[in-house]
Protein backbone atom coordinates (compact mmCIF):
# COMPACT_ATOMS: atom_id res chain seq x y z
CA MET A 1 233.77 15.79 83.38
CA ALA A 2 234.70 16.91 79.90
CA THR A 3 234.83 14.10 77.23
CA GLN A 4 236.26 13.92 73.77
CA SER A 5 234.36 12.26 70.90
CA ASN A 6 235.16 9.74 68.18
CA THR A 7 233.07 8.41 65.36
CA SER A 8 232.47 4.89 63.99
CA SER A 9 230.37 3.42 61.19
CA THR A 10 227.45 1.12 61.84
CA GLY A 11 227.88 -0.55 58.42
CA HIS A 12 224.79 1.22 57.05
CA GLY A 13 226.52 4.52 56.33
CA LYS A 14 225.48 5.99 59.64
CA ILE A 15 228.11 7.86 61.68
CA ILE A 16 227.66 7.70 65.43
CA LEU A 17 229.51 9.95 67.82
CA LYS A 18 231.45 7.93 70.53
CA PRO A 19 232.32 9.68 73.73
CA TYR A 20 235.86 8.95 74.84
CA TYR A 21 235.03 6.76 77.76
CA VAL A 22 232.85 4.49 75.47
CA PHE A 23 235.56 4.37 72.83
CA LYS A 24 238.19 3.30 75.42
CA ARG A 25 235.99 0.59 76.85
CA LEU A 26 235.47 -0.79 73.35
CA PHE A 27 239.13 -2.08 73.28
CA THR A 28 239.76 -2.57 77.00
CA LYS A 29 237.94 -4.07 79.99
CA THR A 30 238.77 -4.32 83.67
CA SER A 31 240.31 -7.53 84.96
CA VAL A 32 239.55 -9.16 88.34
CA ASP A 33 242.41 -7.33 90.03
CA GLY A 34 241.21 -4.02 88.62
CA SER A 35 243.83 -3.51 85.89
CA PRO A 36 242.89 -2.79 82.25
CA VAL A 37 243.21 -5.74 79.80
CA PRO A 38 242.54 -5.96 76.00
CA ARG A 39 238.90 -6.86 75.13
CA PRO A 40 238.52 -9.90 72.80
CA ARG A 41 237.25 -9.24 69.28
CA LYS A 42 233.90 -11.00 69.86
CA GLU A 43 233.21 -9.01 73.00
CA ARG A 44 234.18 -5.85 71.12
CA LYS A 45 231.57 -6.48 68.50
CA LYS A 46 228.83 -7.31 71.07
CA PHE A 47 229.79 -4.29 73.20
CA PHE A 48 229.84 -2.01 70.05
CA ASN A 49 226.34 -3.09 68.96
CA LYS A 50 225.06 -2.55 72.48
CA THR A 51 226.43 1.03 72.82
CA SER A 52 225.73 2.19 69.27
CA LYS A 53 221.97 1.78 69.47
CA SER A 54 220.21 4.99 68.47
CA PRO A 55 218.77 6.89 71.47
CA ALA A 56 215.03 7.10 71.79
CA PRO A 57 213.63 10.04 69.92
CA ILE A 58 213.22 13.19 71.92
CA THR A 59 209.73 14.65 71.70
CA PRO A 60 210.10 18.35 70.88
CA VAL A 61 208.70 20.74 73.46
CA VAL A 62 206.40 23.18 71.85
CA PRO A 63 206.59 26.54 73.61
CA VAL A 64 203.27 27.87 74.96
CA PRO A 65 202.80 31.45 73.76
CA VAL A 66 202.51 33.92 76.59
CA THR A 67 199.45 35.99 76.12
CA ALA A 68 199.36 39.55 77.42
CA PRO A 69 196.58 40.39 79.72
CA ILE A 70 193.59 41.77 77.96
CA ILE A 71 192.50 45.17 79.16
CA SER A 72 188.92 45.73 78.28
CA ALA A 73 187.71 49.08 77.04
CA PRO A 74 185.61 51.24 79.30
CA ILE A 75 182.00 49.99 79.61
CA ILE A 76 179.35 52.61 78.96
CA VAL A 77 176.98 52.97 81.82
CA GLN A 78 173.54 52.06 80.60
CA ASN A 79 171.17 54.26 82.54
CA THR A 80 167.58 53.68 81.49
CA ALA A 81 165.39 56.47 80.21
CA GLU A 82 163.19 56.15 83.32
CA HIS A 83 166.23 56.31 85.60
CA ALA A 84 167.60 59.36 83.71
CA ALA A 85 164.24 61.17 83.95
CA GLU A 86 164.11 60.41 87.70
CA THR A 87 167.54 61.70 88.36
CA ASP A 88 166.85 64.85 86.21
CA SER A 89 163.91 65.78 88.45
CA ASN A 90 165.64 64.85 91.70
CA GLY A 91 167.20 67.83 93.41
CA ILE A 92 168.46 71.27 92.40
CA VAL A 93 168.65 71.88 88.63
CA GLU A 94 169.78 75.54 88.59
CA PRO A 95 173.48 76.44 89.13
CA PHE A 96 174.36 76.98 92.76
CA THR A 97 177.32 77.80 94.97
CA PRO A 98 177.30 75.72 98.26
CA SER A 99 177.79 77.73 101.43
CA GLY A 100 181.39 77.90 102.50
CA THR A 101 182.74 77.39 98.97
CA GLN A 102 183.43 79.55 95.92
CA THR A 103 182.76 76.69 93.47
CA THR A 104 179.67 76.90 91.26
CA LEU A 105 177.94 73.58 90.43
CA SER A 106 175.72 73.15 87.37
CA ARG A 107 173.55 70.09 87.16
CA ILE A 108 173.87 68.34 83.77
CA LEU A 109 170.62 66.85 82.44
CA SER A 110 170.58 63.49 80.84
CA THR A 111 169.40 64.93 77.52
CA SER A 112 172.61 67.08 77.26
CA PRO A 113 175.51 66.06 75.04
CA GLU A 114 177.79 66.86 77.87
CA TYR A 115 176.03 64.21 80.03
CA THR A 116 176.49 61.63 77.31
CA GLN A 117 180.12 62.52 76.96
CA VAL A 118 180.87 62.14 80.67
CA ALA A 119 178.70 59.01 81.15
CA SER A 120 180.23 57.26 78.14
CA THR A 121 183.71 57.44 79.70
CA PHE A 122 182.44 56.29 83.10
CA GLY A 123 183.42 52.63 82.73
CA ILE A 124 182.05 51.03 85.91
CA PRO A 125 179.84 47.97 85.29
CA ASN A 126 176.36 48.07 86.95
CA ALA A 127 176.81 51.69 88.16
CA LYS A 128 173.85 53.97 88.29
CA ILE A 129 174.61 57.62 87.85
CA MET A 130 172.49 59.69 90.23
CA ALA A 131 173.85 63.14 89.25
CA ILE A 132 176.55 64.76 87.20
CA PHE A 133 177.65 68.29 87.86
CA SER A 134 179.99 70.54 85.90
CA LEU A 135 182.29 72.59 88.14
CA GLU A 136 183.42 76.19 87.99
CA MET A 137 186.27 76.30 90.49
CA PRO A 138 187.38 79.53 92.24
CA SER A 139 189.37 81.96 90.04
CA GLU A 140 192.58 81.50 91.99
CA ILE A 141 192.54 77.70 91.39
CA LYS A 142 191.77 78.16 87.67
CA ASP A 143 194.46 80.85 87.15
CA ALA A 144 197.16 78.87 88.93
CA HIS A 145 196.27 75.75 86.80
CA ALA A 146 196.30 77.79 83.58
CA ALA A 147 199.67 79.28 84.35
CA HIS A 148 201.15 75.91 85.11
CA LYS A 149 199.80 74.46 81.88
CA GLU A 150 201.47 77.25 79.89
CA GLU A 151 204.72 76.71 81.75
CA GLU A 152 204.90 72.95 81.18
CA ALA A 153 203.76 73.24 77.57
CA GLY A 154 206.49 75.77 76.95
CA LYS A 155 209.20 73.48 78.25
CA ILE A 156 208.49 70.92 75.48
CA GLN A 157 207.35 73.40 72.82
CA SER A 158 203.75 72.14 72.88
CA THR A 159 200.33 73.47 73.59
CA PRO A 160 198.53 73.65 76.97
CA GLU A 161 195.83 71.24 75.52
CA ALA A 162 198.43 68.60 74.63
CA VAL A 163 199.87 68.43 78.20
CA THR A 164 196.43 68.22 79.82
CA LYS A 165 194.81 64.87 80.53
CA ARG A 166 191.26 64.50 81.84
CA LEU A 167 191.42 61.72 84.48
CA PHE A 168 189.25 60.23 87.21
CA HIS A 169 189.78 60.73 90.99
CA GLY A 170 187.83 58.70 93.46
CA THR A 171 187.38 59.89 97.04
CA LYS A 172 185.29 59.31 100.08
CA SER A 173 182.32 61.25 101.36
CA THR A 174 181.68 61.40 105.09
CA CYS A 175 178.47 63.29 104.49
CA ASP A 176 175.48 62.12 102.47
CA PRO A 177 175.92 63.16 98.83
CA ASN A 178 172.15 63.50 98.63
CA ASN A 179 172.47 66.64 100.64
CA LEU A 180 174.46 68.17 97.74
CA ILE A 181 171.99 66.97 95.14
CA LYS A 182 168.81 68.00 96.86
CA LYS A 183 169.88 70.90 99.11
CA GLY A 184 173.13 72.10 97.64
CA GLU A 185 174.83 71.64 101.02
CA VAL A 186 178.39 70.62 101.83
CA CYS A 187 179.68 69.53 105.24
CA GLY A 188 182.46 71.03 107.30
CA ASN A 189 184.40 67.81 107.88
CA VAL A 190 187.95 68.17 106.84
CA LEU A 191 188.13 64.43 106.12
CA CYS A 192 185.26 64.56 103.53
CA GLY A 193 186.79 64.29 100.10
CA LEU A 194 183.61 65.29 98.41
CA CYS A 195 183.29 68.66 100.16
CA GLY A 196 186.94 69.30 100.61
CA ILE A 197 187.64 69.27 96.90
CA LEU A 198 184.64 71.54 96.20
CA LYS A 199 186.04 74.06 98.67
CA VAL A 200 189.79 74.15 97.86
CA GLY A 201 190.43 71.76 95.01
CA ASN A 202 192.76 68.78 95.08
CA LYS A 203 195.37 69.26 97.75
CA THR A 204 198.47 67.29 98.58
CA THR A 205 197.99 68.03 102.23
CA SER A 206 194.88 65.88 102.12
CA SER A 207 196.61 62.99 100.27
CA ARG A 208 196.58 59.48 101.78
CA CYS A 209 199.58 58.57 99.57
CA ASN A 210 202.55 60.33 101.16
CA GLY A 211 201.77 63.69 99.56
CA GLY A 212 201.02 62.33 96.13
CA MET A 213 197.61 62.64 94.46
CA TRP A 214 196.59 59.80 92.23
CA PHE A 215 194.41 59.95 89.08
CA ALA A 216 193.36 57.24 86.76
CA GLN A 217 192.61 56.85 83.07
CA HIS A 218 189.63 54.60 83.79
CA ALA A 219 186.83 55.26 86.29
CA ASN A 220 186.83 51.52 87.30
CA THR A 221 190.34 52.06 88.68
CA SER A 222 189.38 55.12 90.78
CA ASN A 223 186.31 53.32 91.96
CA GLY A 224 188.53 51.28 94.28
CA TYR A 225 189.32 54.50 96.20
CA THR A 226 185.71 55.49 96.83
CA TYR A 227 183.55 54.51 99.84
CA PRO A 228 179.81 54.13 99.85
CA HIS A 229 177.92 56.37 102.25
CA ALA A 230 176.62 54.26 105.10
CA GLY A 231 172.98 55.36 104.64
CA THR A 232 172.45 55.88 100.89
CA LEU A 233 175.40 53.84 99.51
CA LEU A 234 176.19 56.78 97.21
CA ARG A 235 179.73 57.16 95.97
CA VAL A 236 181.50 60.23 94.48
CA MET A 237 184.12 60.65 91.77
CA TYR A 238 185.72 63.66 90.19
CA LEU A 239 186.77 64.09 86.58
CA VAL A 240 189.91 66.27 86.73
CA ASP A 241 192.16 68.09 84.28
CA VAL A 242 195.74 67.01 85.18
CA VAL A 243 198.88 68.49 83.69
CA HIS A 244 201.06 65.56 82.60
CA VAL A 245 203.45 65.99 79.62
CA THR A 246 203.76 62.26 78.72
CA ASN A 247 201.18 59.72 77.80
CA VAL A 248 199.13 58.22 80.60
CA ALA A 249 199.59 54.54 81.31
CA TYR A 250 196.60 53.83 83.56
CA THR A 251 197.49 56.14 86.48
CA VAL A 252 199.28 59.46 87.21
CA CYS A 253 200.65 60.76 90.44
CA THR A 254 201.34 64.43 91.12
CA ASN A 255 202.51 66.37 94.09
CA LYS A 256 201.58 69.83 92.70
CA ASP A 257 198.20 71.27 93.61
CA HIS A 258 198.10 73.61 90.68
CA ALA A 259 198.56 70.67 88.25
CA THR A 260 194.97 69.77 88.82
CA LEU A 261 191.59 71.34 88.03
CA PRO A 262 188.37 69.50 88.90
CA ARG A 263 185.87 69.74 86.03
CA HIS A 264 182.99 67.32 86.78
CA LEU A 265 181.60 65.62 89.79
CA VAL A 266 179.72 62.22 89.33
CA ILE A 267 177.54 60.93 92.12
CA TYR A 268 176.61 57.23 91.62
CA LYS A 269 175.85 53.93 93.36
CA LEU A 270 176.59 50.32 92.58
């Protein structure tokens, strides 16, 4: 219920606000039959001293600052020199085109600056890179991607390079990735993400996300969409050029095949 306020002096120069119902009770009280009667002066003074006591001090509540979640920078995979030398000598080193594909794979040696560049962005703790391949996709895939880049860049009066982001794409491998490393072989299983992308690139028809293809700024995010091979525990991840005109906030989804161009393949294990 709304109240009105009055003020009174304590005799020490202090003004205390008196709500209306307190002020009224200062001069009246309730008789035995329930009717209001004047309050004697002595009672008024006693009642006044009782109700004018200063309230207990209120302890101020100090707000607790809300701290934004800390997103750590990618962790560089620390492959030892012995491990790098072992992987360099394991499998095919010369460029090759697996049967049933038109994609040429070139093994990148650990001594190459290109290897260092790719490995330094591969932010998955405790991962061991077994092989990195650069990919030369079929001409029709490259041409369609280049045309799409030019078109999207023209819409915002920018350059093809400015609208292209290199992102990670984790996928599953139903076949043993070692077959690709050592023999240069791909399987014919349409559900194998490793071999399917090498054959036809990224396709919305193979998407598990309602026709959208997802790519991530950090490899650790894409790692959640990979599956270890049952025998060798190897995983596969692609590094893909994706046409995206705005800045990337962790992930990008596209439903256009020609917006993507696979550039590197990383085979690793945890």
